[in-house]
Amino acid sequence: MLASIACVLFGGVLYLVRHAGARVHVAPFEPAHEPLRSLGGIAREAARLDAAAWMQAGVVLLILMPMARVLTTLVFFMRRRDWVFVGLGLLVLGALIFGLAV
């Protein structure tokens, strides 16, 4: 969670520093440009210190947190051989993956 906050904060500060005098244009929503639509693109753009990529990386980390928690509990329940909770965890993980895919 802290890594996500740090990424978004760094990207926000970087954006404000680079666009301090820019005027705000309120227009219809435009989706993110092409490189920010994949994990590899986000990583490449973040390496170039693109502010939007850093903010996007923070959001991706925030989205992945529930998946990491479910995977951690799955490992825990597998080690305890509690197959009912392993099944439930797999169901929850499937729902999370489905939600990201759709």
PDB file of N, CA and C in Angstrom:
ATOM      1  N   MET A   1       0.818  -1.185   0.000  1.00  0.00           N
ATOM      2  CA  MET A   1       0.000   0.000   0.000  1.00  0.00           C
ATOM      3  C   MET A   1       0.869   1.260   0.000  1.00  0.00           C
ATOM      4  N   LEU A   2       1.925   1.222   0.806  1.00  0.00           N
ATOM      5  CA  LEU A   2       2.820   2.382   0.865  1.00  0.00           C
ATOM      6  C   LEU A   2       3.543   2.605  -0.462  1.00  0.00           C
ATOM      7  N   ALA A   3       3.897   1.514  -1.151  1.00  0.00           N
ATOM      8  CA  ALA A   3       4.543   1.650  -2.458  1.00  0.00           C
ATOM      9  C   ALA A   3       3.596   2.309  -3.452  1.00  0.00           C
ATOM     10  N   SER A   4       2.326   1.941  -3.392  1.00  0.00           N
ATOM     11  CA  SER A   4       1.328   2.539  -4.268  1.00  0.00           C
ATOM     12  C   SER A   4       1.195   4.034  -4.000  1.00  0.00           C
ATOM     13  N   ILE A   5       1.106   4.395  -2.730  1.00  0.00           N
ATOM     14  CA  ILE A   5       0.996   5.805  -2.355  1.00  0.00           C
ATOM     15  C   ILE A   5       2.233   6.574  -2.806  1.00  0.00           C
ATOM     16  N   ALA A   6       3.403   5.966  -2.620  1.00  0.00           N
ATOM     17  CA  ALA A   6       4.653   6.630  -3.004  1.00  0.00           C
ATOM     18  C   ALA A   6       4.707   6.858  -4.514  1.00  0.00           C
ATOM     19  N   CYS A   7       4.286   5.876  -5.303  1.00  0.00           N
ATOM     20  CA  CYS A   7       4.288   6.026  -6.765  1.00  0.00           C
ATOM     21  C   CYS A   7       3.357   7.140  -7.216  1.00  0.00           C
ATOM     22  N   VAL A   8       2.140   7.139  -6.690  1.00  0.00           N
ATOM     23  CA  VAL A   8       1.167   8.165  -7.086  1.00  0.00           C
ATOM     24  C   VAL A   8       1.637   9.544  -6.632  1.00  0.00           C
ATOM     25  N   LEU A   9       2.162   9.631  -5.425  1.00  0.00           N
ATOM     26  CA  LEU A   9       2.653  10.910  -4.916  1.00  0.00           C
ATOM     27  C   LEU A   9       3.834  11.416  -5.743  1.00  0.00           C
ATOM     28  N   PHE A  10       4.782  10.542  -6.055  1.00  0.00           N
ATOM     29  CA  PHE A  10       5.931  10.933  -6.876  1.00  0.00           C
ATOM     30  C   PHE A  10       5.467  11.408  -8.251  1.00  0.00           C
ATOM     31  N   GLY A  11       4.560  10.651  -8.861  1.00  0.00           N
ATOM     32  CA  GLY A  11       4.044  11.041 -10.172  1.00  0.00           C
ATOM     33  C   GLY A  11       3.285  12.359 -10.121  1.00  0.00           C
ATOM     34  N   GLY A  12       2.506  12.563  -9.055  1.00  0.00           N
ATOM     35  CA  GLY A  12       1.759  13.811  -8.924  1.00  0.00           C
ATOM     36  C   GLY A  12       2.673  15.015  -8.762  1.00  0.00           C
ATOM     37  N   VAL A  13       3.689  14.872  -7.929  1.00  0.00           N
ATOM     38  CA  VAL A  13       4.642  15.974  -7.739  1.00  0.00           C
ATOM     39  C   VAL A  13       5.402  16.235  -9.040  1.00  0.00           C
ATOM     40  N   LEU A  14       5.841  15.179  -9.708  1.00  0.00           N
ATOM     41  CA  LEU A  14       6.543  15.323 -10.984  1.00  0.00           C
ATOM     42  C   LEU A  14       5.664  16.031 -12.007  1.00  0.00           C
ATOM     43  N   TYR A  15       4.387  15.659 -12.045  1.00  0.00           N
ATOM     44  CA  TYR A  15       3.456  16.296 -12.976  1.00  0.00           C
ATOM     45  C   TYR A  15       3.284  17.782 -12.654  1.00  0.00           C
ATOM     46  N   LEU A  16       3.119  18.089 -11.381  1.00  0.00           N
ATOM     47  CA  LEU A  16       2.931  19.488 -10.998  1.00  0.00           C
ATOM     48  C   LEU A  16       4.170  20.332 -11.275  1.00  0.00           C
ATOM     49  N   VAL A  17       5.348  19.750 -11.061  1.00  0.00           N
ATOM     50  CA  VAL A  17       6.587  20.486 -11.340  1.00  0.00           C
ATOM     51  C   VAL A  17       6.712  20.767 -12.835  1.00  0.00           C
ATOM     52  N   ARG A  18       6.383  19.785 -13.658  1.00  0.00           N
ATOM     53  CA  ARG A  18       6.550  19.937 -15.114  1.00  0.00           C
ATOM     54  C   ARG A  18       5.438  20.759 -15.755  1.00  0.00           C
ATOM     55  N   HIS A  19       4.276  20.823 -15.138  1.00  0.00           N
ATOM     56  CA  HIS A  19       3.136  21.526 -15.736  1.00  0.00           C
ATOM     57  C   HIS A  19       2.622  22.629 -14.806  1.00  0.00           C
ATOM     58  N   ALA A  20       3.521  23.289 -14.107  1.00  0.00           N
ATOM     59  CA  ALA A  20       3.116  24.286 -13.110  1.00  0.00           C
ATOM     60  C   ALA A  20       2.328  25.429 -13.724  1.00  0.00           C
ATOM     61  N   GLY A  21       2.706  25.912 -14.895  1.00  0.00           N
ATOM     62  CA  GLY A  21       2.038  27.061 -15.501  1.00  0.00           C
ATOM     63  C   GLY A  21       0.975  26.691 -16.521  1.00  0.00           C
ATOM     64  N   ALA A  22       0.693  25.409 -16.675  1.00  0.00           N
ATOM     65  CA  ALA A  22      -0.266  24.984 -17.707  1.00  0.00           C
ATOM     66  C   ALA A  22      -1.686  25.346 -17.299  1.00  0.00           C
ATOM     67  N   ARG A  23      -2.487  25.674 -18.301  1.00  0.00           N
ATOM     68  CA  ARG A  23      -3.895  25.966 -18.064  1.00  0.00           C
ATOM     69  C   ARG A  23      -4.677  24.668 -18.062  1.00  0.00           C
ATOM     70  N   VAL A  24      -5.701  24.631 -17.265  1.00  0.00           N
ATOM     71  CA  VAL A  24      -6.548  23.441 -17.177  1.00  0.00           C
ATOM     72  C   VAL A  24      -7.601  23.509 -18.268  1.00  0.00           C
ATOM     73  N   HIS A  25      -7.694  22.426 -19.049  1.00  0.00           N
ATOM     74  CA  HIS A  25      -8.703  22.329 -20.094  1.00  0.00           C
ATOM     75  C   HIS A  25      -9.675  21.233 -19.707  1.00  0.00           C
ATOM     76  N   VAL A  26     -10.911  21.603 -19.508  1.00  0.00           N
ATOM     77  CA  VAL A  26     -11.935  20.625 -19.171  1.00  0.00           C
ATOM     78  C   VAL A  26     -12.560  20.170 -20.485  1.00  0.00           C
ATOM     79  N   ALA A  27     -12.340  18.918 -20.797  1.00  0.00           N
ATOM     80  CA  ALA A  27     -12.823  18.362 -22.064  1.00  0.00           C
ATOM     81  C   ALA A  27     -13.360  16.963 -21.804  1.00  0.00           C
ATOM     82  N   PRO A  28     -13.966  16.367 -22.800  1.00  0.00           N
ATOM     83  CA  PRO A  28     -14.418  14.972 -22.619  1.00  0.00           C
ATOM     84  C   PRO A  28     -13.248  14.064 -22.252  1.00  0.00           C
ATOM     85  N   PHE A  29     -13.565  12.998 -21.530  1.00  0.00           N
ATOM     86  CA  PHE A  29     -12.535  12.058 -21.076  1.00  0.00           C
ATOM     87  C   PHE A  29     -11.809  11.435 -22.252  1.00  0.00           C
ATOM     88  N   GLU A  30     -10.501  11.437 -22.180  1.00  0.00           N
ATOM     89  CA  GLU A  30      -9.655  10.790 -23.184  1.00  0.00           C
ATOM     90  C   GLU A  30      -8.938   9.639 -22.490  1.00  0.00           C
ATOM     91  N   PRO A  31      -9.001   8.411 -23.043  1.00  0.00           N
ATOM     92  CA  PRO A  31      -8.283   7.301 -22.408  1.00  0.00           C
ATOM     93  C   PRO A  31      -6.776   7.535 -22.430  1.00  0.00           C
ATOM     94  N   ALA A  32      -6.085   6.805 -21.580  1.00  0.00           N
ATOM     95  CA  ALA A  32      -4.627   6.929 -21.493  1.00  0.00           C
ATOM     96  C   ALA A  32      -3.987   6.614 -22.839  1.00  0.00           C
ATOM     97  N   HIS A  33      -2.869   7.301 -23.134  1.00  0.00           N
ATOM     98  CA  HIS A  33      -2.209   7.018 -24.400  1.00  0.00           C
ATOM     99  C   HIS A  33      -1.647   5.597 -24.392  1.00  0.00           C
ATOM    100  N   GLU A  34      -1.384   5.076 -25.564  1.00  0.00           N
ATOM    101  CA  GLU A  34      -1.110   3.653 -25.782  1.00  0.00           C
ATOM    102  C   GLU A  34      -0.078   3.027 -24.838  1.00  0.00           C
ATOM    103  N   PRO A  35       1.078   3.644 -24.584  1.00  0.00           N
ATOM    104  CA  PRO A  35       2.057   2.963 -23.713  1.00  0.00           C
ATOM    105  C   PRO A  35       1.541   2.685 -22.300  1.00  0.00           C
ATOM    106  N   LEU A  36       0.570   3.444 -21.836  1.00  0.00           N
ATOM    107  CA  LEU A  36       0.099   3.272 -20.463  1.00  0.00           C
ATOM    108  C   LEU A  36      -1.030   2.251 -20.355  1.00  0.00           C
ATOM    109  N   ARG A  37      -1.245   1.486 -21.398  1.00  0.00           N
ATOM    110  CA  ARG A  37      -2.309   0.476 -21.379  1.00  0.00           C
ATOM    111  C   ARG A  37      -1.784  -0.927 -21.114  1.00  0.00           C
ATOM    112  N   SER A  38      -0.484  -1.077 -20.906  1.00  0.00           N
ATOM    113  CA  SER A  38       0.096  -2.386 -20.603  1.00  0.00           C
ATOM    114  C   SER A  38       1.132  -2.215 -19.495  1.00  0.00           C
ATOM    115  N   LEU A  39       1.397  -3.307 -18.786  1.00  0.00           N
ATOM    116  CA  LEU A  39       2.375  -3.238 -17.695  1.00  0.00           C
ATOM    117  C   LEU A  39       3.770  -2.905 -18.205  1.00  0.00           C
ATOM    118  N   GLY A  40       4.141  -3.496 -19.345  1.00  0.00           N
ATOM    119  CA  GLY A  40       5.455  -3.208 -19.925  1.00  0.00           C
ATOM    120  C   GLY A  40       5.586  -1.752 -20.336  1.00  0.00           C
ATOM    121  N   GLY A  41       4.519  -1.218 -20.924  1.00  0.00           N
ATOM    122  CA  GLY A  41       4.530   0.185 -21.335  1.00  0.00           C
ATOM    123  C   GLY A  41       4.622   1.121 -20.148  1.00  0.00           C
ATOM    124  N   ILE A  42       3.916   0.777 -19.076  1.00  0.00           N
ATOM    125  CA  ILE A  42       3.979   1.596 -17.871  1.00  0.00           C
ATOM    126  C   ILE A  42       5.401   1.591 -17.307  1.00  0.00           C
ATOM    127  N   ALA A  43       6.036   0.419 -17.291  1.00  0.00           N
ATOM    128  CA  ALA A  43       7.405   0.314 -16.774  1.00  0.00           C
ATOM    129  C   ALA A  43       8.379   1.123 -17.637  1.00  0.00           C
ATOM    130  N   ARG A  44       8.251   1.014 -18.968  1.00  0.00           N
ATOM    131  CA  ARG A  44       9.147   1.771 -19.858  1.00  0.00           C
ATOM    132  C   ARG A  44       8.983   3.272 -19.670  1.00  0.00           C
ATOM    133  N   GLU A  45       7.734   3.721 -19.617  1.00  0.00           N
ATOM    134  CA  GLU A  45       7.488   5.156 -19.464  1.00  0.00           C
ATOM    135  C   GLU A  45       7.901   5.653 -18.073  1.00  0.00           C
ATOM    136  N   ALA A  46       7.720   4.831 -17.054  1.00  0.00           N
ATOM    137  CA  ALA A  46       8.148   5.227 -15.705  1.00  0.00           C
ATOM    138  C   ALA A  46       9.664   5.356 -15.640  1.00  0.00           C
ATOM    139  N   ALA A  47      10.375   4.500 -16.381  1.00  0.00           N
ATOM    140  CA  ALA A  47      11.840   4.598 -16.423  1.00  0.00           C
ATOM    141  C   ALA A  47      12.280   5.916 -17.059  1.00  0.00           C
ATOM    142  N   ARG A  48      11.436   6.463 -17.921  1.00  0.00           N
ATOM    143  CA  ARG A  48      11.729   7.764 -18.544  1.00  0.00           C
ATOM    144  C   ARG A  48      11.218   8.928 -17.694  1.00  0.00           C
ATOM    145  N   LEU A  49      10.783   8.624 -16.480  1.00  0.00           N
ATOM    146  CA  LEU A  49      10.251   9.610 -15.538  1.00  0.00           C
ATOM    147  C   LEU A  49       9.007  10.321 -16.077  1.00  0.00           C
ATOM    148  N   ASP A  50       8.143   9.569 -16.739  1.00  0.00           N
ATOM    149  CA  ASP A  50       6.861  10.105 -17.177  1.00  0.00           C
ATOM    150  C   ASP A  50       5.920  10.134 -15.974  1.00  0.00           C
ATOM    151  N   ALA A  51       5.399  11.316 -15.664  1.00  0.00           N
ATOM    152  CA  ALA A  51       4.568  11.491 -14.465  1.00  0.00           C
ATOM    153  C   ALA A  51       3.318  10.619 -14.518  1.00  0.00           C
ATOM    154  N   ALA A  52       2.654  10.571 -15.669  1.00  0.00           N
ATOM    155  CA  ALA A  52       1.431   9.775 -15.797  1.00  0.00           C
ATOM    156  C   ALA A  52       1.718   8.289 -15.589  1.00  0.00           C
ATOM    157  N   ALA A  53       2.877   7.835 -16.046  1.00  0.00           N
ATOM    158  CA  ALA A  53       3.239   6.426 -15.879  1.00  0.00           C
ATOM    159  C   ALA A  53       3.452   6.094 -14.399  1.00  0.00           C
ATOM    160  N   TRP A  54       4.049   7.014 -13.656  1.00  0.00           N
ATOM    161  CA  TRP A  54       4.245   6.775 -12.223  1.00  0.00           C
ATOM    162  C   TRP A  54       2.913   6.713 -11.492  1.00  0.00           C
ATOM    163  N   MET A  55       2.005   7.597 -11.861  1.00  0.00           N
ATOM    164  CA  MET A  55       0.683   7.570 -11.227  1.00  0.00           C
ATOM    165  C   MET A  55      -0.068   6.290 -11.608  1.00  0.00           C
ATOM    166  N   GLN A  56       0.053   5.897 -12.874  1.00  0.00           N
ATOM    167  CA  GLN A  56      -0.590   4.665 -13.332  1.00  0.00           C
ATOM    168  C   GLN A  56      -0.001   3.447 -12.615  1.00  0.00           C
ATOM    169  N   ALA A  57       1.308   3.443 -12.404  1.00  0.00           N
ATOM    170  CA  ALA A  57       1.949   2.338 -11.687  1.00  0.00           C
ATOM    171  C   ALA A  57       1.419   2.240 -10.256  1.00  0.00           C
ATOM    172  N   GLY A  58       1.194   3.368  -9.630  1.00  0.00           N
ATOM    173  CA  GLY A  58       0.635   3.364  -8.285  1.00  0.00           C
ATOM    174  C   GLY A  58      -0.766   2.782  -8.252  1.00  0.00           C
ATOM    175  N   VAL A  59      -1.558   3.107  -9.258  1.00  0.00           N
ATOM    176  CA  VAL A  59      -2.918   2.552  -9.335  1.00  0.00           C
ATOM    177  C   VAL A  59      -2.861   1.051  -9.583  1.00  0.00           C
ATOM    178  N   VAL A  60      -1.961   0.607 -10.445  1.00  0.00           N
ATOM    179  CA  VAL A  60      -1.815  -0.833 -10.712  1.00  0.00           C
ATOM    180  C   VAL A  60      -1.416  -1.564  -9.437  1.00  0.00           C
ATOM    181  N   LEU A  61      -0.469  -1.010  -8.687  1.00  0.00           N
ATOM    182  CA  LEU A  61      -0.075  -1.628  -7.422  1.00  0.00           C
ATOM    183  C   LEU A  61      -1.255  -1.703  -6.454  1.00  0.00           C
ATOM    184  N   LEU A  62      -2.052  -0.669  -6.423  1.00  0.00           N
ATOM    185  CA  LEU A  62      -3.219  -0.660  -5.549  1.00  0.00           C
ATOM    186  C   LEU A  62      -4.223  -1.735  -5.954  1.00  0.00           C
ATOM    187  N   ILE A  63      -4.394  -1.931  -7.250  1.00  0.00           N
ATOM    188  CA  ILE A  63      -5.309  -2.957  -7.747  1.00  0.00           C
ATOM    189  C   ILE A  63      -4.777  -4.356  -7.453  1.00  0.00           C
ATOM    190  N   LEU A  64      -3.468  -4.535  -7.516  1.00  0.00           N
ATOM    191  CA  LEU A  64      -2.880  -5.853  -7.298  1.00  0.00           C
ATOM    192  C   LEU A  64      -2.825  -6.267  -5.827  1.00  0.00           C
ATOM    193  N   MET A  65      -3.024  -5.338  -4.916  1.00  0.00           N
ATOM    194  CA  MET A  65      -2.953  -5.654  -3.483  1.00  0.00           C
ATOM    195  C   MET A  65      -3.958  -6.729  -3.053  1.00  0.00           C
ATOM    196  N   PRO A  66      -5.234  -6.646  -3.440  1.00  0.00           N
ATOM    197  CA  PRO A  66      -6.148  -7.720  -3.032  1.00  0.00           C
ATOM    198  C   PRO A  66      -5.737  -9.083  -3.581  1.00  0.00           C
ATOM    199  N   MET A  67      -5.182  -9.090  -4.794  1.00  0.00           N
ATOM    200  CA  MET A  67      -4.731 -10.363  -5.369  1.00  0.00           C
ATOM    201  C   MET A  67      -3.570 -10.930  -4.564  1.00  0.00           C
ATOM    202  N   ALA A  68      -2.669 -10.079  -4.126  1.00  0.00           N
ATOM    203  CA  ALA A  68      -1.542 -10.546  -3.321  1.00  0.00           C
ATOM    204  C   ALA A  68      -2.024 -11.106  -1.987  1.00  0.00           C
ATOM    205  N   ARG A  69      -3.020 -10.461  -1.393  1.00  0.00           N
ATOM    206  CA  ARG A  69      -3.559 -10.965  -0.118  1.00  0.00           C
ATOM    207  C   ARG A  69      -4.220 -12.323  -0.298  1.00  0.00           C
ATOM    208  N   VAL A  70      -4.980 -12.475  -1.381  1.00  0.00           N
ATOM    209  CA  VAL A  70      -5.652 -13.758  -1.630  1.00  0.00           C
ATOM    210  C   VAL A  70      -4.614 -14.845  -1.903  1.00  0.00           C
ATOM    211  N   LEU A  71      -3.592 -14.539  -2.679  1.00  0.00           N
ATOM    212  CA  LEU A  71      -2.535 -15.528  -2.949  1.00  0.00           C
ATOM    213  C   LEU A  71      -1.814 -15.929  -1.660  1.00  0.00           C
ATOM    214  N   THR A  72      -1.572 -14.966  -0.791  1.00  0.00           N
ATOM    215  CA  THR A  72      -0.920 -15.268   0.479  1.00  0.00           C
ATOM    216  C   THR A  72      -1.776 -16.204   1.323  1.00  0.00           C
ATOM    217  N   THR A  73      -3.072 -15.922   1.401  1.00  0.00           N
ATOM    218  CA  THR A  73      -3.941 -16.799   2.183  1.00  0.00           C
ATOM    219  C   THR A  73      -4.080 -18.166   1.534  1.00  0.00           C
ATOM    220  N   LEU A  74      -4.041 -18.212   0.191  1.00  0.00           N
ATOM    221  CA  LEU A  74      -4.081 -19.508  -0.489  1.00  0.00           C
ATOM    222  C   LEU A  74      -2.892 -20.368  -0.088  1.00  0.00           C
ATOM    223  N   VAL A  75      -1.713 -19.792  -0.075  1.00  0.00           N
ATOM    224  CA  VAL A  75      -0.515 -20.534   0.327  1.00  0.00           C
ATOM    225  C   VAL A  75      -0.654 -21.006   1.772  1.00  0.00           C
ATOM    226  N   PHE A  76      -1.146 -20.127   2.630  1.00  0.00           N
ATOM    227  CA  PHE A  76      -1.341 -20.483   4.034  1.00  0.00           C
ATOM    228  C   PHE A  76      -2.299 -21.668   4.166  1.00  0.00           C
ATOM    229  N   PHE A  77      -3.432 -21.615   3.484  1.00  0.00           N
ATOM    230  CA  PHE A  77      -4.413 -22.692   3.593  1.00  0.00           C
ATOM    231  C   PHE A  77      -3.926 -23.979   2.923  1.00  0.00           C
ATOM    232  N   MET A  78      -3.124 -23.864   1.873  1.00  0.00           N
ATOM    233  CA  MET A  78      -2.555 -25.066   1.247  1.00  0.00           C
ATOM    234  C   MET A  78      -1.591 -25.753   2.206  1.00  0.00           C
ATOM    235  N   ARG A  79      -0.792 -24.977   2.914  1.00  0.00           N
ATOM    236  CA  ARG A  79       0.147 -25.561   3.877  1.00  0.00           C
ATOM    237  C   ARG A  79      -0.578 -26.234   5.029  1.00  0.00           C
ATOM    238  N   ARG A  80      -1.738 -25.694   5.384  1.00  0.00           N
ATOM    239  CA  ARG A  80      -2.533 -26.293   6.457  1.00  0.00           C
ATOM    240  C   ARG A  80      -3.443 -27.415   5.940  1.00  0.00           C
ATOM    241  N   ARG A  81      -3.447 -27.608   4.626  1.00  0.00           N
ATOM    242  CA  ARG A  81      -4.272 -28.618   3.958  1.00  0.00           C
ATOM    243  C   ARG A  81      -5.763 -28.423   4.259  1.00  0.00           C
ATOM    244  N   ASP A  82      -6.177 -27.175   4.280  1.00  0.00           N
ATOM    245  CA  ASP A  82      -7.581 -26.826   4.484  1.00  0.00           C
ATOM    246  C   ASP A  82      -8.196 -26.577   3.099  1.00  0.00           C
ATOM    247  N   TRP A  83      -8.641 -27.648   2.481  1.00  0.00           N
ATOM    248  CA  TRP A  83      -9.037 -27.618   1.079  1.00  0.00           C
ATOM    249  C   TRP A  83     -10.322 -26.836   0.831  1.00  0.00           C
ATOM    250  N   VAL A  84     -11.176 -26.727   1.825  1.00  0.00           N
ATOM    251  CA  VAL A  84     -12.391 -25.923   1.657  1.00  0.00           C
ATOM    252  C   VAL A  84     -12.016 -24.455   1.450  1.00  0.00           C
ATOM    253  N   PHE A  85     -11.117 -23.958   2.288  1.00  0.00           N
ATOM    254  CA  PHE A  85     -10.709 -22.563   2.157  1.00  0.00           C
ATOM    255  C   PHE A  85      -9.802 -22.345   0.946  1.00  0.00           C
ATOM    256  N   VAL A  86      -9.074 -23.365   0.532  1.00  0.00           N
ATOM    257  CA  VAL A  86      -8.302 -23.263  -0.709  1.00  0.00           C
ATOM    258  C   VAL A  86      -9.273 -23.077  -1.877  1.00  0.00           C
ATOM    259  N   GLY A  87     -10.335 -23.864  -1.892  1.00  0.00           N
ATOM    260  CA  GLY A  87     -11.342 -23.732  -2.947  1.00  0.00           C
ATOM    261  C   GLY A  87     -12.004 -22.371  -2.941  1.00  0.00           C
ATOM    262  N   LEU A  88     -12.354 -21.888  -1.751  1.00  0.00           N
ATOM    263  CA  LEU A  88     -12.959 -20.560  -1.653  1.00  0.00           C
ATOM    264  C   LEU A  88     -11.980 -19.469  -2.093  1.00  0.00           C
ATOM    265  N   GLY A  89     -10.733 -19.625  -1.715  1.00  0.00           N
ATOM    266  CA  GLY A  89      -9.715 -18.659  -2.130  1.00  0.00           C
ATOM    267  C   GLY A  89      -9.525 -18.646  -3.639  1.00  0.00           C
ATOM    268  N   LEU A  90      -9.550 -19.825  -4.249  1.00  0.00           N
ATOM    269  CA  LEU A  90      -9.441 -19.896  -5.705  1.00  0.00           C
ATOM    270  C   LEU A  90     -10.643 -19.235  -6.380  1.00  0.00           C
ATOM    271  N   LEU A  91     -11.804 -19.389  -5.767  1.00  0.00           N
ATOM    272  CA  LEU A  91     -13.008 -18.733  -6.297  1.00  0.00           C
ATOM    273  C   LEU A  91     -12.864 -17.209  -6.235  1.00  0.00           C
ATOM    274  N   VAL A  92     -12.386 -16.714  -5.110  1.00  0.00           N
ATOM    275  CA  VAL A  92     -12.191 -15.271  -4.959  1.00  0.00           C
ATOM    276  C   VAL A  92     -11.129 -14.776  -5.934  1.00  0.00           C
ATOM    277  N   LEU A  93     -10.040 -15.516  -6.064  1.00  0.00           N
ATOM    278  CA  LEU A  93      -8.977 -15.139  -7.006  1.00  0.00           C
ATOM    279  C   LEU A  93      -9.506 -15.118  -8.425  1.00  0.00           C
ATOM    280  N   GLY A  94     -10.315 -16.102  -8.770  1.00  0.00           N
ATOM    281  CA  GLY A  94     -10.926 -16.121 -10.103  1.00  0.00           C
ATOM    282  C   GLY A  94     -11.822 -14.910 -10.333  1.00  0.00           C
ATOM    283  N   ALA A  95     -12.589 -14.535  -9.318  1.00  0.00           N
ATOM    284  CA  ALA A  95     -13.455 -13.363  -9.441  1.00  0.00           C
ATOM    285  C   ALA A  95     -12.637 -12.080  -9.625  1.00  0.00           C
ATOM    286  N   LEU A  96     -11.517 -11.973  -8.901  1.00  0.00           N
ATOM    287  CA  LEU A  96     -10.654 -10.802  -9.051  1.00  0.00           C
ATOM    288  C   LEU A  96     -10.041 -10.736 -10.450  1.00  0.00           C
ATOM    289  N   ILE A  97      -9.565 -11.872 -10.938  1.00  0.00           N
ATOM    290  CA  ILE A  97      -8.970 -11.913 -12.280  1.00  0.00           C
ATOM    291  C   ILE A  97     -10.027 -11.598 -13.332  1.00  0.00           C
ATOM    292  N   PHE A  98     -11.219 -12.151 -13.165  1.00  0.00           N
ATOM    293  CA  PHE A  98     -12.310 -11.875 -14.097  1.00  0.00           C
ATOM    294  C   PHE A  98     -12.645 -10.390 -14.093  1.00  0.00           C
ATOM    295  N   GLY A  99     -12.684  -9.806 -12.912  1.00  0.00           N
ATOM    296  CA  GLY A  99     -12.977  -8.373 -12.809  1.00  0.00           C
ATOM    297  C   GLY A  99     -11.929  -7.504 -13.499  1.00  0.00           C
ATOM    298  N   LEU A 100     -10.678  -7.910 -13.448  1.00  0.00           N
ATOM    299  CA  LEU A 100      -9.625  -7.151 -14.131  1.00  0.00           C
ATOM    300  C   LEU A 100      -9.690  -7.352 -15.641  1.00  0.00           C
ATOM    301  N   ALA A 101     -10.083  -8.536 -16.064  1.00  0.00           N
ATOM    302  CA  ALA A 101     -10.107  -8.830 -17.495  1.00  0.00           C
ATOM    303  C   ALA A 101     -11.271  -8.146 -18.207  1.00  0.00           C
ATOM    304  N   VAL A 102     -12.346  -7.952 -17.484  1.00  0.00           N
ATOM    305  CA  VAL A 102     -13.555  -7.375 -18.113  1.00  0.00           C
ATOM    306  C   VAL A 102     -13.553  -5.909 -18.066  1.00  0.00           C
TER     307      VAL A 102
END
